[in-house]
Amino acid sequence: MPVLRKKAEFAKDPAAFETFYRRHVDDITRFLARRVDDPHQVADLVADVFLAVLDSAHTYRAGLGSEVAWLYGVARNTLSAERRRAVQESRLTGRVGGRRQLDTDDLTRLEERIDAERPARRAFQAMTDLPEGERAVLELVVIDQLTVTEAAAALGIRSGTAMVRLHRARRRLQALPLVMEGTPG
């Protein structure tokens, strides 16, 4: 039985990953089925485990144990993370479930807020076809009202790059005045 020796064997090679997956999918499915009784959750967790394997392949060291032991460790960590997430979701649901019902005044205020934000929603919609970098700068400057320098810092890019992306985005969206409101000239 071939074993995992280094990350490059399967993390970068789809055929090698498929071989690795086929070799271990039944073991991981059994491992999770012993711990979870919902078949949909088991299927999701199996997928999550193999995604985590791709992300953490660099951590495998053959001298520290078998690939199955390492893989079970990844599965345990994935299952633990899912259980933590489920507990958090349960707590949040409990907190939200204990909230009072909205009265007419609350609904009116929310409707007013939603109406007030309509231009921003239209702006977001108009921006969906922009390249990611241009859209990110435009959102931060136009909708979130950051300066170009602040937007650049938030995105981890240089101010000059942000200005170029903002200019390109503005040029693409010239026909949509509501998007251009608030953009620096």
C-alpha atoms as a PDB file:
ATOM      1  CA  MET A   1       0.000   0.000   0.000  1.00  0.00           C
ATOM      2  CA  PRO A   2       1.545   3.334  -1.043  1.00  0.00           C
ATOM      3  CA  VAL A   3       1.818   5.876   1.699  1.00  0.00           C
ATOM      4  CA  LEU A   4       1.995   9.635   1.862  1.00  0.00           C
ATOM      5  CA  ARG A   5       5.578  10.809   1.955  1.00  0.00           C
ATOM      6  CA  LYS A   6       5.346  14.519   1.324  1.00  0.00           C
ATOM      7  CA  LYS A   7       2.782  17.193   0.553  1.00  0.00           C
ATOM      8  CA  ALA A   8       3.551  17.405  -3.156  1.00  0.00           C
ATOM      9  CA  GLU A   9       2.420  13.830  -3.707  1.00  0.00           C
ATOM     10  CA  PHE A  10      -1.246  14.708  -3.473  1.00  0.00           C
ATOM     11  CA  ALA A  11      -1.722  18.339  -2.484  1.00  0.00           C
ATOM     12  CA  LYS A  12      -0.652  19.541  -5.912  1.00  0.00           C
ATOM     13  CA  ASP A  13      -1.512  16.491  -8.021  1.00  0.00           C
ATOM     14  CA  PRO A  14      -5.216  15.742  -8.563  1.00  0.00           C
ATOM     15  CA  ALA A  15      -4.562  12.134  -9.578  1.00  0.00           C
ATOM     16  CA  ALA A  16      -2.451  11.504  -6.467  1.00  0.00           C
ATOM     17  CA  PHE A  17      -5.101  13.162  -4.302  1.00  0.00           C
ATOM     18  CA  GLU A  18      -7.785  10.952  -5.854  1.00  0.00           C
ATOM     19  CA  THR A  19      -5.694   7.874  -5.031  1.00  0.00           C
ATOM     20  CA  PHE A  20      -5.169   9.135  -1.469  1.00  0.00           C
ATOM     21  CA  TYR A  21      -8.884   9.924  -1.141  1.00  0.00           C
ATOM     22  CA  ARG A  22     -10.007   6.515  -2.432  1.00  0.00           C
ATOM     23  CA  ARG A  23      -7.521   4.782  -0.141  1.00  0.00           C
ATOM     24  CA  HIS A  24      -8.901   6.517   2.976  1.00  0.00           C
ATOM     25  CA  VAL A  25     -12.477   7.664   2.355  1.00  0.00           C
ATOM     26  CA  ASP A  26     -14.035   4.507   3.836  1.00  0.00           C
ATOM     27  CA  ASP A  27     -11.878   4.720   6.962  1.00  0.00           C
ATOM     28  CA  ILE A  28     -12.773   8.370   7.498  1.00  0.00           C
ATOM     29  CA  THR A  29     -16.449   7.712   6.821  1.00  0.00           C
ATOM     30  CA  ARG A  30     -16.450   4.919   9.425  1.00  0.00           C
ATOM     31  CA  PHE A  31     -14.528   7.106  11.870  1.00  0.00           C
ATOM     32  CA  LEU A  32     -17.123   9.866  11.580  1.00  0.00           C
ATOM     33  CA  ALA A  33     -20.139   7.529  11.440  1.00  0.00           C
ATOM     34  CA  ARG A  34     -19.107   6.173  14.836  1.00  0.00           C
ATOM     35  CA  ARG A  35     -19.333   9.695  16.237  1.00  0.00           C
ATOM     36  CA  VAL A  36     -22.212  11.302  14.306  1.00  0.00           C
ATOM     37  CA  ASP A  37     -25.636   9.795  13.637  1.00  0.00           C
ATOM     38  CA  ASP A  38     -26.852  12.102  10.846  1.00  0.00           C
ATOM     39  CA  PRO A  39     -25.868  10.759   7.410  1.00  0.00           C
ATOM     40  CA  HIS A  40     -25.913  14.240   5.833  1.00  0.00           C
ATOM     41  CA  GLN A  41     -23.605  15.565   8.509  1.00  0.00           C
ATOM     42  CA  VAL A  42     -21.267  12.582   8.063  1.00  0.00           C
ATOM     43  CA  ALA A  43     -21.093  13.263   4.317  1.00  0.00           C
ATOM     44  CA  ASP A  44     -20.391  16.962   4.945  1.00  0.00           C
ATOM     45  CA  LEU A  45     -17.737  16.158   7.525  1.00  0.00           C
ATOM     46  CA  VAL A  46     -16.000  13.664   5.212  1.00  0.00           C
ATOM     47  CA  ALA A  47     -15.765  16.408   2.590  1.00  0.00           C
ATOM     48  CA  ASP A  48     -14.531  18.882   5.223  1.00  0.00           C
ATOM     49  CA  VAL A  49     -11.852  16.421   6.369  1.00  0.00           C
ATOM     50  CA  PHE A  50     -10.437  16.009   2.886  1.00  0.00           C
ATOM     51  CA  LEU A  51     -10.485  19.761   2.311  1.00  0.00           C
ATOM     52  CA  ALA A  52      -8.618  20.173   5.589  1.00  0.00           C
ATOM     53  CA  VAL A  53      -6.168  17.489   4.444  1.00  0.00           C
ATOM     54  CA  LEU A  54      -5.317  19.582   1.400  1.00  0.00           C
ATOM     55  CA  ASP A  55      -4.813  22.651   3.573  1.00  0.00           C
ATOM     56  CA  SER A  56      -2.675  20.872   6.163  1.00  0.00           C
ATOM     57  CA  ALA A  57      -0.758  18.387   4.011  1.00  0.00           C
ATOM     58  CA  HIS A  58       2.461  20.212   4.857  1.00  0.00           C
ATOM     59  CA  THR A  59       2.076  19.138   8.513  1.00  0.00           C
ATOM     60  CA  TYR A  60       2.399  15.400   7.825  1.00  0.00           C
ATOM     61  CA  ARG A  61       5.683  13.876   8.949  1.00  0.00           C
ATOM     62  CA  ALA A  62       6.136  10.180   8.173  1.00  0.00           C
ATOM     63  CA  GLY A  63       8.585   9.764  11.050  1.00  0.00           C
ATOM     64  CA  LEU A  64       5.927  10.760  13.589  1.00  0.00           C
ATOM     65  CA  GLY A  65       3.343   8.147  12.630  1.00  0.00           C
ATOM     66  CA  SER A  66       1.328   6.599   9.870  1.00  0.00           C
ATOM     67  CA  GLU A  67      -0.696   8.600   7.397  1.00  0.00           C
ATOM     68  CA  VAL A  68      -3.861   7.015   8.813  1.00  0.00           C
ATOM     69  CA  ALA A  69      -3.019   8.311  12.296  1.00  0.00           C
ATOM     70  CA  TRP A  70      -2.341  11.765  10.865  1.00  0.00           C
ATOM     71  CA  LEU A  71      -5.569  11.615   8.858  1.00  0.00           C
ATOM     72  CA  TYR A  72      -7.563  10.612  11.962  1.00  0.00           C
ATOM     73  CA  GLY A  73      -6.034  13.592  13.736  1.00  0.00           C
ATOM     74  CA  VAL A  74      -7.275  15.845  10.948  1.00  0.00           C
ATOM     75  CA  ALA A  75     -10.703  14.177  11.194  1.00  0.00           C
ATOM     76  CA  ARG A  76     -10.798  14.687  14.980  1.00  0.00           C
ATOM     77  CA  ASN A  77      -9.889  18.348  14.597  1.00  0.00           C
ATOM     78  CA  THR A  78     -12.525  18.794  11.890  1.00  0.00           C
ATOM     79  CA  LEU A  79     -15.176  17.122  14.047  1.00  0.00           C
ATOM     80  CA  SER A  80     -14.165  19.197  17.088  1.00  0.00           C
ATOM     81  CA  ALA A  81     -14.409  22.399  15.050  1.00  0.00           C
ATOM     82  CA  GLU A  82     -17.864  21.380  13.829  1.00  0.00           C
ATOM     83  CA  ARG A  83     -19.019  20.632  17.352  1.00  0.00           C
ATOM     84  CA  ARG A  84     -17.736  24.004  18.572  1.00  0.00           C
ATOM     85  CA  ARG A  85     -19.548  25.695  15.708  1.00  0.00           C
ATOM     86  CA  ALA A  86     -22.770  23.811  16.538  1.00  0.00           C
ATOM     87  CA  VAL A  87     -22.533  24.827  20.213  1.00  0.00           C
ATOM     88  CA  GLN A  88     -22.005  28.465  19.226  1.00  0.00           C
ATOM     89  CA  GLU A  89     -24.953  28.288  16.853  1.00  0.00           C
ATOM     90  CA  SER A  90     -27.098  26.745  19.583  1.00  0.00           C
ATOM     91  CA  ARG A  91     -26.141  29.485  22.039  1.00  0.00           C
ATOM     92  CA  LEU A  92     -26.863  32.169  19.469  1.00  0.00           C
ATOM     93  CA  THR A  93     -30.207  30.605  18.611  1.00  0.00           C
ATOM     94  CA  GLY A  94     -31.063  30.480  22.305  1.00  0.00           C
ATOM     95  CA  ARG A  95     -30.157  34.128  22.764  1.00  0.00           C
ATOM     96  CA  VAL A  96     -32.066  35.216  19.679  1.00  0.00           C
ATOM     97  CA  GLY A  97     -35.007  32.975  20.594  1.00  0.00           C
ATOM     98  CA  GLY A  98     -35.351  34.808  23.896  1.00  0.00           C
ATOM     99  CA  ARG A  99     -35.772  38.183  22.205  1.00  0.00           C
ATOM    100  CA  ARG A 100     -38.998  40.094  22.381  1.00  0.00           C
ATOM    101  CA  GLN A 101     -41.249  40.387  19.369  1.00  0.00           C
ATOM    102  CA  LEU A 102     -40.941  43.537  17.300  1.00  0.00           C
ATOM    103  CA  ASP A 103     -43.725  46.013  17.850  1.00  0.00           C
ATOM    104  CA  THR A 104     -45.179  48.362  15.223  1.00  0.00           C
ATOM    105  CA  ASP A 105     -42.742  51.184  16.061  1.00  0.00           C
ATOM    106  CA  ASP A 106     -39.774  48.822  15.751  1.00  0.00           C
ATOM    107  CA  LEU A 107     -40.995  47.576  12.397  1.00  0.00           C
ATOM    108  CA  THR A 108     -41.552  51.124  11.180  1.00  0.00           C
ATOM    109  CA  ARG A 109     -37.999  52.138  12.189  1.00  0.00           C
ATOM    110  CA  LEU A 110     -36.558  49.047  10.472  1.00  0.00           C
ATOM    111  CA  GLU A 111     -38.561  49.686   7.324  1.00  0.00           C
ATOM    112  CA  GLU A 112     -37.297  53.284   7.302  1.00  0.00           C
ATOM    113  CA  ARG A 113     -33.710  52.058   7.730  1.00  0.00           C
ATOM    114  CA  ILE A 114     -34.165  49.516   4.942  1.00  0.00           C
ATOM    115  CA  ASP A 115     -35.615  52.203   2.665  1.00  0.00           C
ATOM    116  CA  ALA A 116     -32.742  54.544   3.527  1.00  0.00           C
ATOM    117  CA  GLU A 117     -30.225  51.856   2.541  1.00  0.00           C
ATOM    118  CA  ARG A 118     -31.855  51.139  -0.826  1.00  0.00           C
ATOM    119  CA  PRO A 119     -29.256  53.193  -2.782  1.00  0.00           C
ATOM    120  CA  ALA A 120     -26.450  51.222  -1.142  1.00  0.00           C
ATOM    121  CA  ARG A 121     -28.128  47.936  -2.085  1.00  0.00           C
ATOM    122  CA  ARG A 122     -28.487  49.177  -5.682  1.00  0.00           C
ATOM    123  CA  ALA A 123     -24.827  50.181  -5.621  1.00  0.00           C
ATOM    124  CA  PHE A 124     -23.796  46.726  -4.411  1.00  0.00           C
ATOM    125  CA  GLN A 125     -25.903  45.182  -7.176  1.00  0.00           C
ATOM    126  CA  ALA A 126     -24.367  47.457  -9.812  1.00  0.00           C
ATOM    127  CA  MET A 127     -20.875  46.487  -8.626  1.00  0.00           C
ATOM    128  CA  THR A 128     -21.316  42.721  -8.908  1.00  0.00           C
ATOM    129  CA  ASP A 129     -19.834  42.598 -12.405  1.00  0.00           C
ATOM    130  CA  LEU A 130     -16.709  44.567 -11.506  1.00  0.00           C
ATOM    131  CA  PRO A 131     -13.417  42.735 -10.993  1.00  0.00           C
ATOM    132  CA  GLU A 132     -12.928  41.885  -7.299  1.00  0.00           C
ATOM    133  CA  GLY A 133     -10.125  44.397  -6.681  1.00  0.00           C
ATOM    134  CA  GLU A 134     -12.023  47.295  -8.214  1.00  0.00           C
ATOM    135  CA  ARG A 135     -15.244  46.365  -6.437  1.00  0.00           C
ATOM    136  CA  ALA A 136     -13.511  46.099  -3.067  1.00  0.00           C
ATOM    137  CA  VAL A 137     -12.001  49.591  -3.337  1.00  0.00           C
ATOM    138  CA  LEU A 138     -15.248  51.093  -4.610  1.00  0.00           C
ATOM    139  CA  GLU A 139     -17.278  49.495  -1.806  1.00  0.00           C
ATOM    140  CA  LEU A 140     -14.921  50.777   0.862  1.00  0.00           C
ATOM    141  CA  VAL A 141     -14.773  54.301  -0.546  1.00  0.00           C
ATOM    142  CA  VAL A 142     -18.350  54.809  -1.750  1.00  0.00           C
ATOM    143  CA  ILE A 143     -20.423  52.708   0.600  1.00  0.00           C
ATOM    144  CA  ASP A 144     -18.287  52.524   3.730  1.00  0.00           C
ATOM    145  CA  GLN A 145     -17.001  56.108   3.285  1.00  0.00           C
ATOM    146  CA  LEU A 146     -13.303  55.342   3.814  1.00  0.00           C
ATOM    147  CA  THR A 147     -10.660  57.494   2.205  1.00  0.00           C
ATOM    148  CA  VAL A 148      -8.680  55.945  -0.635  1.00  0.00           C
ATOM    149  CA  THR A 149      -5.704  55.666   1.736  1.00  0.00           C
ATOM    150  CA  GLU A 150      -7.823  53.918   4.371  1.00  0.00           C
ATOM    151  CA  ALA A 151      -9.310  51.577   1.755  1.00  0.00           C
ATOM    152  CA  ALA A 152      -5.812  50.733   0.526  1.00  0.00           C
ATOM    153  CA  ALA A 153      -4.708  49.918   4.077  1.00  0.00           C
ATOM    154  CA  ALA A 154      -7.807  47.778   4.656  1.00  0.00           C
ATOM    155  CA  LEU A 155      -7.078  45.819   1.478  1.00  0.00           C
ATOM    156  CA  GLY A 156      -3.330  45.574   2.048  1.00  0.00           C
ATOM    157  CA  ILE A 157      -2.477  47.423  -1.168  1.00  0.00           C
ATOM    158  CA  ARG A 158      -0.680  50.682  -1.965  1.00  0.00           C
ATOM    159  CA  SER A 159      -2.652  53.925  -2.177  1.00  0.00           C
ATOM    160  CA  GLY A 160      -1.664  54.352  -5.810  1.00  0.00           C
ATOM    161  CA  THR A 161      -3.050  50.930  -6.645  1.00  0.00           C
ATOM    162  CA  ALA A 162      -6.275  51.776  -4.828  1.00  0.00           C
ATOM    163  CA  MET A 163      -6.603  55.047  -6.756  1.00  0.00           C
ATOM    164  CA  VAL A 164      -6.113  53.256 -10.075  1.00  0.00           C
ATOM    165  CA  ARG A 165      -8.701  50.608  -9.155  1.00  0.00           C
ATOM    166  CA  LEU A 166     -11.154  53.271  -7.988  1.00  0.00           C
ATOM    167  CA  HIS A 167     -10.668  55.230 -11.213  1.00  0.00           C
ATOM    168  CA  ARG A 168     -11.265  52.104 -13.326  1.00  0.00           C
ATOM    169  CA  ALA A 169     -14.370  51.197 -11.331  1.00  0.00           C
ATOM    170  CA  ARG A 170     -15.755  54.733 -11.607  1.00  0.00           C
ATOM    171  CA  ARG A 171     -15.124  54.739 -15.351  1.00  0.00           C
ATOM    172  CA  ARG A 172     -16.962  51.422 -15.761  1.00  0.00           C
ATOM    173  CA  LEU A 173     -19.925  52.675 -13.743  1.00  0.00           C
ATOM    174  CA  GLN A 174     -20.229  56.224 -15.148  1.00  0.00           C
ATOM    175  CA  ALA A 175     -23.785  55.592 -16.295  1.00  0.00           C
ATOM    176  CA  LEU A 176     -24.917  54.860 -12.738  1.00  0.00           C
ATOM    177  CA  PRO A 177     -24.929  58.197 -10.836  1.00  0.00           C
ATOM    178  CA  LEU A 178     -26.077  56.663  -7.543  1.00  0.00           C
ATOM    179  CA  VAL A 179     -22.871  54.635  -7.446  1.00  0.00           C
ATOM    180  CA  MET A 180     -20.762  57.707  -8.104  1.00  0.00           C
ATOM    181  CA  GLU A 181     -22.229  59.770  -5.241  1.00  0.00           C
ATOM    182  CA  GLY A 182     -19.659  60.188  -2.526  1.00  0.00           C
ATOM    183  CA  THR A 183     -16.650  59.234  -4.600  1.00  0.00           C
ATOM    184  CA  PRO A 184     -13.793  61.683  -4.478  1.00  0.00           C
ATOM    185  CA  GLY A 185     -13.220  63.507  -7.772  1.00  0.00           C
END
